Amino acid sequence: MKVPWDWARFLQEIAERYRNAQKITLVMDNLNTHRPGALYETFPPDQAKALWDRFEFVYSPKHGNWLNIAEIEINVMFSQCLDRRIDSAGKLREEVTAWQARCDQIHAKVNW
């Protein structure tokens, strides 16, 4: 699989921007291109290794990133609040606001 060059260049830009930092921590998803190989395909080996060593990578869970949580929340909102025809934007805002207030009141959380 060909690895996009832009991820490697992005890391290089961050390293240059924070050149005084000893270690740069990045939180990322588990995309298969977020690996050292992308750097070695873009830069000479010594430069790729030096760049990789500047970073600490913290990966989000493979099946539990923020997007999954957002999708779950939207699906719950649709099933609990928007499962019927709502004929105006004002009424839609009222319904969603009331639904959100109720969720906040009962401390509803996504169980993932």
C-alpha atoms as a PDB file:
ATOM      1  CA  MET A   1       0.000   0.000   0.000  1.00  0.00           C
ATOM      2  CA  LYS A   2       1.346   3.418  -0.959  1.00  0.00           C
ATOM      3  CA  VAL A   3       1.498   5.694   2.067  1.00  0.00           C
ATOM      4  CA  PRO A   4       0.424   9.310   1.535  1.00  0.00           C
ATOM      5  CA  TRP A   5       3.344  11.706   1.809  1.00  0.00           C
ATOM      6  CA  ASP A   6       1.369  14.440   3.540  1.00  0.00           C
ATOM      7  CA  TRP A   7       1.301  12.748   6.970  1.00  0.00           C
ATOM      8  CA  ALA A   8       5.089  12.643   7.050  1.00  0.00           C
ATOM      9  CA  ARG A   9       5.343  16.280   5.946  1.00  0.00           C
ATOM     10  CA  PHE A  10       2.753  17.213   8.575  1.00  0.00           C
ATOM     11  CA  LEU A  11       4.950  15.665  11.282  1.00  0.00           C
ATOM     12  CA  GLN A  12       7.945  17.537   9.922  1.00  0.00           C
ATOM     13  CA  GLU A  13       6.031  20.837  10.110  1.00  0.00           C
ATOM     14  CA  ILE A  14       4.989  20.167  13.705  1.00  0.00           C
ATOM     15  CA  ALA A  15       8.564  19.256  14.679  1.00  0.00           C
ATOM     16  CA  GLU A  16       9.819  22.486  13.125  1.00  0.00           C
ATOM     17  CA  ARG A  17       7.132  24.571  14.811  1.00  0.00           C
ATOM     18  CA  TYR A  18       7.972  23.079  18.216  1.00  0.00           C
ATOM     19  CA  ARG A  19      11.700  22.722  17.713  1.00  0.00           C
ATOM     20  CA  ASN A  20      12.431  23.551  21.369  1.00  0.00           C
ATOM     21  CA  ALA A  21      10.242  20.732  22.697  1.00  0.00           C
ATOM     22  CA  GLN A  22      12.089  17.615  23.797  1.00  0.00           C
ATOM     23  CA  LYS A  23       9.116  15.351  23.009  1.00  0.00           C
ATOM     24  CA  ILE A  24       5.892  16.124  21.155  1.00  0.00           C
ATOM     25  CA  THR A  25       2.825  14.065  22.088  1.00  0.00           C
ATOM     26  CA  LEU A  26       0.228  13.451  19.394  1.00  0.00           C
ATOM     27  CA  VAL A  27      -3.108  11.737  19.933  1.00  0.00           C
ATOM     28  CA  MET A  28      -4.200  10.046  16.717  1.00  0.00           C
ATOM     29  CA  ASP A  29      -6.544   7.469  15.332  1.00  0.00           C
ATOM     30  CA  ASN A  30      -5.309   4.051  14.269  1.00  0.00           C
ATOM     31  CA  LEU A  31      -5.158   4.751  10.544  1.00  0.00           C
ATOM     32  CA  ASN A  32      -2.729   2.321   8.958  1.00  0.00           C
ATOM     33  CA  THR A  33      -0.675   5.158   7.421  1.00  0.00           C
ATOM     34  CA  HIS A  34       0.221   6.560  10.846  1.00  0.00           C
ATOM     35  CA  ARG A  35       3.311   4.394  11.126  1.00  0.00           C
ATOM     36  CA  PRO A  36       7.073   4.901  10.775  1.00  0.00           C
ATOM     37  CA  GLY A  37       7.022   3.576   7.221  1.00  0.00           C
ATOM     38  CA  ALA A  38       5.444   6.811   6.027  1.00  0.00           C
ATOM     39  CA  LEU A  39       8.479   8.724   7.247  1.00  0.00           C
ATOM     40  CA  TYR A  40      10.950   6.294   5.692  1.00  0.00           C
ATOM     41  CA  GLU A  41       9.167   6.551   2.339  1.00  0.00           C
ATOM     42  CA  THR A  42       9.424  10.348   2.467  1.00  0.00           C
ATOM     43  CA  PHE A  43      12.778  11.089   4.122  1.00  0.00           C
ATOM     44  CA  PRO A  44      16.263   9.560   4.246  1.00  0.00           C
ATOM     45  CA  PRO A  45      16.554   6.933   7.023  1.00  0.00           C
ATOM     46  CA  ASP A  46      18.506   9.112   9.481  1.00  0.00           C
ATOM     47  CA  GLN A  47      16.055  11.996   9.079  1.00  0.00           C
ATOM     48  CA  ALA A  48      13.028   9.675   9.368  1.00  0.00           C
ATOM     49  CA  LYS A  49      14.386   8.110  12.577  1.00  0.00           C
ATOM     50  CA  ALA A  50      15.201  11.494  14.118  1.00  0.00           C
ATOM     51  CA  LEU A  51      11.731  12.760  13.295  1.00  0.00           C
ATOM     52  CA  TRP A  52      10.009   9.631  14.642  1.00  0.00           C
ATOM     53  CA  ASP A  53      11.997   9.903  17.881  1.00  0.00           C
ATOM     54  CA  ARG A  54      10.743  13.485  18.461  1.00  0.00           C
ATOM     55  CA  PHE A  55       7.188  12.233  18.921  1.00  0.00           C
ATOM     56  CA  GLU A  56       5.225  10.194  21.412  1.00  0.00           C
ATOM     57  CA  PHE A  57       2.198   8.721  19.666  1.00  0.00           C
ATOM     58  CA  VAL A  58      -0.944   7.943  21.642  1.00  0.00           C
ATOM     59  CA  TYR A  59      -3.468   6.039  19.557  1.00  0.00           C
ATOM     60  CA  SER A  60      -7.216   6.153  20.136  1.00  0.00           C
ATOM     61  CA  PRO A  61      -8.938   2.772  20.492  1.00  0.00           C
ATOM     62  CA  LYS A  62      -9.485   1.139  17.121  1.00  0.00           C
ATOM     63  CA  HIS A  63     -13.253   0.796  17.575  1.00  0.00           C
ATOM     64  CA  GLY A  64     -13.906   3.577  20.045  1.00  0.00           C
ATOM     65  CA  ASN A  65     -12.765   6.928  18.767  1.00  0.00           C
ATOM     66  CA  TRP A  66     -14.637  10.206  19.172  1.00  0.00           C
ATOM     67  CA  LEU A  67     -16.411   9.735  15.853  1.00  0.00           C
ATOM     68  CA  ASN A  68     -18.012   6.529  17.104  1.00  0.00           C
ATOM     69  CA  ILE A  69     -19.263   8.393  20.169  1.00  0.00           C
ATOM     70  CA  ALA A  70     -20.694  11.200  18.035  1.00  0.00           C
ATOM     71  CA  GLU A  71     -22.441   8.694  15.760  1.00  0.00           C
ATOM     72  CA  ILE A  72     -23.926   6.870  18.756  1.00  0.00           C
ATOM     73  CA  GLU A  73     -25.152  10.136  20.273  1.00  0.00           C
ATOM     74  CA  ILE A  74     -26.768  11.265  17.013  1.00  0.00           C
ATOM     75  CA  ASN A  75     -28.489   7.897  16.549  1.00  0.00           C
ATOM     76  CA  VAL A  76     -29.867   8.025  20.094  1.00  0.00           C
ATOM     77  CA  MET A  77     -31.093  11.576  19.523  1.00  0.00           C
ATOM     78  CA  PHE A  78     -32.873  10.520  16.329  1.00  0.00           C
ATOM     79  CA  SER A  79     -34.556   7.543  17.955  1.00  0.00           C
ATOM     80  CA  GLN A  80     -35.587   9.385  21.124  1.00  0.00           C
ATOM     81  CA  CYS A  81     -36.346  12.830  19.782  1.00  0.00           C
ATOM     82  CA  LEU A  82     -36.562  13.089  16.016  1.00  0.00           C
ATOM     83  CA  ASP A  83     -38.488   9.961  15.065  1.00  0.00           C
ATOM     84  CA  ARG A  84     -41.397  11.947  13.625  1.00  0.00           C
ATOM     85  CA  ARG A  85     -42.048  14.814  11.236  1.00  0.00           C
ATOM     86  CA  ILE A  86     -41.180  18.210  12.690  1.00  0.00           C
ATOM     87  CA  ASP A  87     -42.517  21.004  10.534  1.00  0.00           C
ATOM     88  CA  SER A  88     -40.344  23.984  11.478  1.00  0.00           C
ATOM     89  CA  ALA A  89     -36.770  24.821  12.373  1.00  0.00           C
ATOM     90  CA  GLY A  90     -37.971  26.525  15.557  1.00  0.00           C
ATOM     91  CA  LYS A  91     -39.819  23.407  16.709  1.00  0.00           C
ATOM     92  CA  LEU A  92     -36.782  21.285  15.842  1.00  0.00           C
ATOM     93  CA  ARG A  93     -34.562  23.518  18.007  1.00  0.00           C
ATOM     94  CA  GLU A  94     -37.067  23.276  20.870  1.00  0.00           C
ATOM     95  CA  GLU A  95     -37.216  19.481  20.662  1.00  0.00           C
ATOM     96  CA  VAL A  96     -33.446  19.027  20.517  1.00  0.00           C
ATOM     97  CA  THR A  97     -32.903  21.533  23.346  1.00  0.00           C
ATOM     98  CA  ALA A  98     -35.459  19.735  25.519  1.00  0.00           C
ATOM     99  CA  TRP A  99     -33.910  16.346  24.696  1.00  0.00           C
ATOM    100  CA  GLN A 100     -30.418  17.614  25.548  1.00  0.00           C
ATOM    101  CA  ALA A 101     -31.626  19.166  28.819  1.00  0.00           C
ATOM    102  CA  ARG A 102     -33.190  15.834  29.806  1.00  0.00           C
ATOM    103  CA  CYS A 103     -29.994  13.932  28.951  1.00  0.00           C
ATOM    104  CA  ASP A 104     -27.967  16.416  31.012  1.00  0.00           C
ATOM    105  CA  GLN A 105     -30.419  16.130  33.920  1.00  0.00           C
ATOM    106  CA  ILE A 106     -30.135  12.345  34.097  1.00  0.00           C
ATOM    107  CA  HIS A 107     -26.380  12.407  33.338  1.00  0.00           C
ATOM    108  CA  ALA A 108     -26.825  10.233  30.255  1.00  0.00           C
ATOM    109  CA  LYS A 109     -23.552   8.906  28.854  1.00  0.00           C
ATOM    110  CA  VAL A 110     -22.504   6.894  25.860  1.00  0.00           C
ATOM    111  CA  ASN A 111     -21.567   3.380  26.937  1.00  0.00           C
ATOM    112  CA  TRP A 112     -18.799   2.333  24.572  1.00  0.00           C
END
